[in-house]
Amino acid sequence: MQYKTVAAPIEFHVKTGDANGINMACQSYADILQKEANDGWEFVSIQQIPVTENPGCLQGLFGKHEQ
């Protein structure tokens, strides 16, 4: 069996509660997987992907940090 490594974004930063940002991050990976599947490759595994949420303006003022 042949294996192939494909580069992809390694980190995403989204605003707290930004569902659109989370969806865009997920779609980035879905697009890469679909392209490779169309070329005949089979998905085997993926590494852990860190996603951090930045606090909003007021939350930052009150000391909340990235999650």
N, C-alpha and C. Protein backbone atom coordinates (compact mmCIF):
# COMPACT_ATOMS: atom_id res chain seq x y z
N MET A 1 0.85 -1.19 0.00
CA MET A 1 0.00 0.00 0.00
C MET A 1 0.89 1.24 0.00
N GLN A 2 0.57 2.21 -0.83
CA GLN A 2 1.29 3.48 -0.84
C GLN A 2 0.64 4.45 0.13
N TYR A 3 1.46 5.30 0.72
CA TYR A 3 0.96 6.34 1.61
C TYR A 3 1.39 7.70 1.08
N LYS A 4 0.61 8.70 1.39
CA LYS A 4 0.90 10.06 0.96
C LYS A 4 0.61 10.99 2.12
N THR A 5 1.49 11.95 2.34
CA THR A 5 1.28 12.97 3.36
C THR A 5 0.86 14.25 2.67
N VAL A 6 -0.20 14.87 3.17
CA VAL A 6 -0.72 16.09 2.57
C VAL A 6 -0.65 17.21 3.60
N ALA A 7 -0.05 18.32 3.21
CA ALA A 7 0.03 19.47 4.10
C ALA A 7 -1.33 20.13 4.23
N ALA A 8 -1.63 20.55 5.44
CA ALA A 8 -2.91 21.22 5.71
C ALA A 8 -2.66 22.27 6.80
N PRO A 9 -3.60 23.18 7.00
CA PRO A 9 -3.43 24.16 8.08
C PRO A 9 -3.20 23.44 9.41
N ILE A 10 -2.29 23.98 10.22
CA ILE A 10 -1.97 23.29 11.48
C ILE A 10 -2.59 23.94 12.70
N GLU A 11 -3.20 25.10 12.52
CA GLU A 11 -3.81 25.77 13.67
C GLU A 11 -4.87 26.75 13.18
N PHE A 12 -5.95 26.86 13.92
CA PHE A 12 -7.01 27.81 13.61
C PHE A 12 -7.29 28.67 14.83
N HIS A 13 -7.57 29.94 14.61
CA HIS A 13 -8.00 30.85 15.67
C HIS A 13 -9.38 31.37 15.28
N VAL A 14 -10.34 31.19 16.15
CA VAL A 14 -11.70 31.68 15.90
C VAL A 14 -12.16 32.49 17.10
N LYS A 15 -13.09 33.41 16.86
CA LYS A 15 -13.66 34.20 17.94
C LYS A 15 -14.64 33.33 18.72
N THR A 16 -14.75 33.55 20.00
CA THR A 16 -15.68 32.81 20.83
C THR A 16 -17.09 32.93 20.27
N GLY A 17 -17.74 31.80 20.10
CA GLY A 17 -19.11 31.77 19.59
C GLY A 17 -19.22 31.97 18.09
N ASP A 18 -18.11 32.01 17.36
CA ASP A 18 -18.13 32.23 15.91
C ASP A 18 -18.34 30.90 15.19
N ALA A 19 -19.60 30.50 15.06
CA ALA A 19 -19.91 29.23 14.40
C ALA A 19 -19.43 29.22 12.96
N ASN A 20 -19.48 30.36 12.29
CA ASN A 20 -19.03 30.43 10.90
C ASN A 20 -17.53 30.15 10.81
N GLY A 21 -16.75 30.69 11.75
CA GLY A 21 -15.31 30.44 11.76
C GLY A 21 -14.99 28.97 11.97
N ILE A 22 -15.72 28.33 12.87
CA ILE A 22 -15.53 26.90 13.13
C ILE A 22 -15.90 26.10 11.89
N ASN A 23 -17.01 26.45 11.26
CA ASN A 23 -17.43 25.75 10.04
C ASN A 23 -16.40 25.91 8.92
N MET A 24 -15.83 27.11 8.81
CA MET A 24 -14.81 27.35 7.77
C MET A 24 -13.57 26.51 8.03
N ALA A 25 -13.18 26.37 9.30
CA ALA A 25 -12.03 25.54 9.65
C ALA A 25 -12.29 24.08 9.27
N CYS A 26 -13.45 23.58 9.60
CA CYS A 26 -13.81 22.20 9.25
C CYS A 26 -13.88 22.01 7.74
N GLN A 27 -14.42 22.99 7.05
CA GLN A 27 -14.56 22.90 5.59
C GLN A 27 -13.19 22.86 4.92
N SER A 28 -12.21 23.56 5.49
CA SER A 28 -10.85 23.53 4.93
C SER A 28 -10.33 22.09 4.84
N TYR A 29 -10.53 21.34 5.90
CA TYR A 29 -10.09 19.95 5.91
C TYR A 29 -10.96 19.07 5.01
N ALA A 30 -12.24 19.32 5.00
CA ALA A 30 -13.13 18.54 4.14
C ALA A 30 -12.75 18.72 2.68
N ASP A 31 -12.40 19.94 2.28
CA ASP A 31 -12.00 20.21 0.89
C ASP A 31 -10.74 19.45 0.53
N ILE A 32 -9.76 19.44 1.44
CA ILE A 32 -8.51 18.72 1.19
C ILE A 32 -8.78 17.23 1.06
N LEU A 33 -9.55 16.68 1.98
CA LEU A 33 -9.87 15.25 1.95
C LEU A 33 -10.61 14.87 0.67
N GLN A 34 -11.56 15.71 0.26
CA GLN A 34 -12.34 15.42 -0.94
C GLN A 34 -11.46 15.45 -2.19
N LYS A 35 -10.55 16.42 -2.26
CA LYS A 35 -9.65 16.50 -3.42
C LYS A 35 -8.80 15.24 -3.53
N GLU A 36 -8.24 14.80 -2.41
CA GLU A 36 -7.40 13.61 -2.43
C GLU A 36 -8.23 12.36 -2.75
N ALA A 37 -9.45 12.28 -2.24
CA ALA A 37 -10.33 11.14 -2.55
C ALA A 37 -10.65 11.11 -4.04
N ASN A 38 -10.87 12.29 -4.62
CA ASN A 38 -11.16 12.36 -6.06
C ASN A 38 -9.97 11.88 -6.88
N ASP A 39 -8.75 12.03 -6.33
CA ASP A 39 -7.55 11.57 -7.02
C ASP A 39 -7.25 10.10 -6.73
N GLY A 40 -8.14 9.43 -5.98
CA GLY A 40 -8.00 8.00 -5.74
C GLY A 40 -7.34 7.62 -4.42
N TRP A 41 -7.04 8.58 -3.57
CA TRP A 41 -6.41 8.28 -2.30
C TRP A 41 -7.46 7.98 -1.24
N GLU A 42 -7.10 7.11 -0.31
CA GLU A 42 -7.99 6.73 0.79
C GLU A 42 -7.47 7.36 2.08
N PHE A 43 -8.37 7.98 2.84
CA PHE A 43 -8.01 8.61 4.11
C PHE A 43 -7.66 7.54 5.14
N VAL A 44 -6.52 7.73 5.85
CA VAL A 44 -6.08 6.77 6.85
C VAL A 44 -6.11 7.38 8.24
N SER A 45 -5.51 8.56 8.43
CA SER A 45 -5.50 9.16 9.76
C SER A 45 -5.20 10.65 9.68
N ILE A 46 -5.40 11.32 10.81
CA ILE A 46 -5.11 12.75 10.92
C ILE A 46 -4.55 13.00 12.32
N GLN A 47 -3.67 13.97 12.42
CA GLN A 47 -3.11 14.34 13.71
C GLN A 47 -4.07 15.29 14.43
N GLN A 48 -3.84 15.50 15.71
CA GLN A 48 -4.65 16.44 16.48
C GLN A 48 -4.45 17.85 15.94
N ILE A 49 -5.53 18.60 15.82
CA ILE A 49 -5.48 19.96 15.29
C ILE A 49 -5.92 20.92 16.38
N PRO A 50 -5.02 21.80 16.84
CA PRO A 50 -5.43 22.75 17.87
C PRO A 50 -6.32 23.85 17.31
N VAL A 51 -7.40 24.11 18.00
CA VAL A 51 -8.29 25.22 17.65
C VAL A 51 -8.43 26.07 18.90
N THR A 52 -8.10 27.36 18.79
CA THR A 52 -8.23 28.25 19.94
C THR A 52 -9.30 29.28 19.67
N GLU A 53 -10.02 29.62 20.72
CA GLU A 53 -11.04 30.67 20.65
C GLU A 53 -10.50 31.91 21.33
N ASN A 54 -10.47 33.01 20.59
CA ASN A 54 -10.05 34.28 21.17
C ASN A 54 -11.23 34.91 21.90
N PRO A 55 -11.00 35.47 23.09
CA PRO A 55 -12.11 36.10 23.81
C PRO A 55 -12.58 37.35 23.08
N GLY A 56 -13.83 37.71 23.28
CA GLY A 56 -14.36 38.93 22.71
C GLY A 56 -13.77 40.15 23.40
N CYS A 57 -14.08 41.32 22.92
CA CYS A 57 -13.51 42.56 23.42
C CYS A 57 -13.76 42.73 24.92
N LEU A 58 -15.00 42.62 25.35
CA LEU A 58 -15.31 42.80 26.77
C LEU A 58 -14.74 41.68 27.62
N GLN A 59 -14.79 40.47 27.10
CA GLN A 59 -14.23 39.35 27.87
C GLN A 59 -12.73 39.54 28.08
N GLY A 60 -12.04 40.08 27.07
CA GLY A 60 -10.62 40.35 27.21
C GLY A 60 -10.33 41.39 28.28
N LEU A 61 -11.20 42.40 28.35
CA LEU A 61 -11.02 43.44 29.36
C LEU A 61 -11.16 42.88 30.77
N PHE A 62 -11.99 41.85 30.91
CA PHE A 62 -12.22 41.25 32.23
C PHE A 62 -11.31 40.06 32.50
N GLY A 63 -10.26 39.92 31.68
CA GLY A 63 -9.22 38.94 31.98
C GLY A 63 -9.37 37.56 31.36
N LYS A 64 -10.34 37.36 30.49
CA LYS A 64 -10.48 36.04 29.88
C LYS A 64 -9.39 35.85 28.83
N HIS A 65 -8.82 34.66 28.76
CA HIS A 65 -7.73 34.35 27.83
C HIS A 65 -8.20 33.34 26.79
N GLU A 66 -7.32 33.05 25.82
CA GLU A 66 -7.64 32.06 24.80
C GLU A 66 -7.99 30.74 25.45
N GLN A 67 -8.90 30.01 24.81
CA GLN A 67 -9.26 28.68 25.29
C GLN A 67 -8.76 27.65 24.31
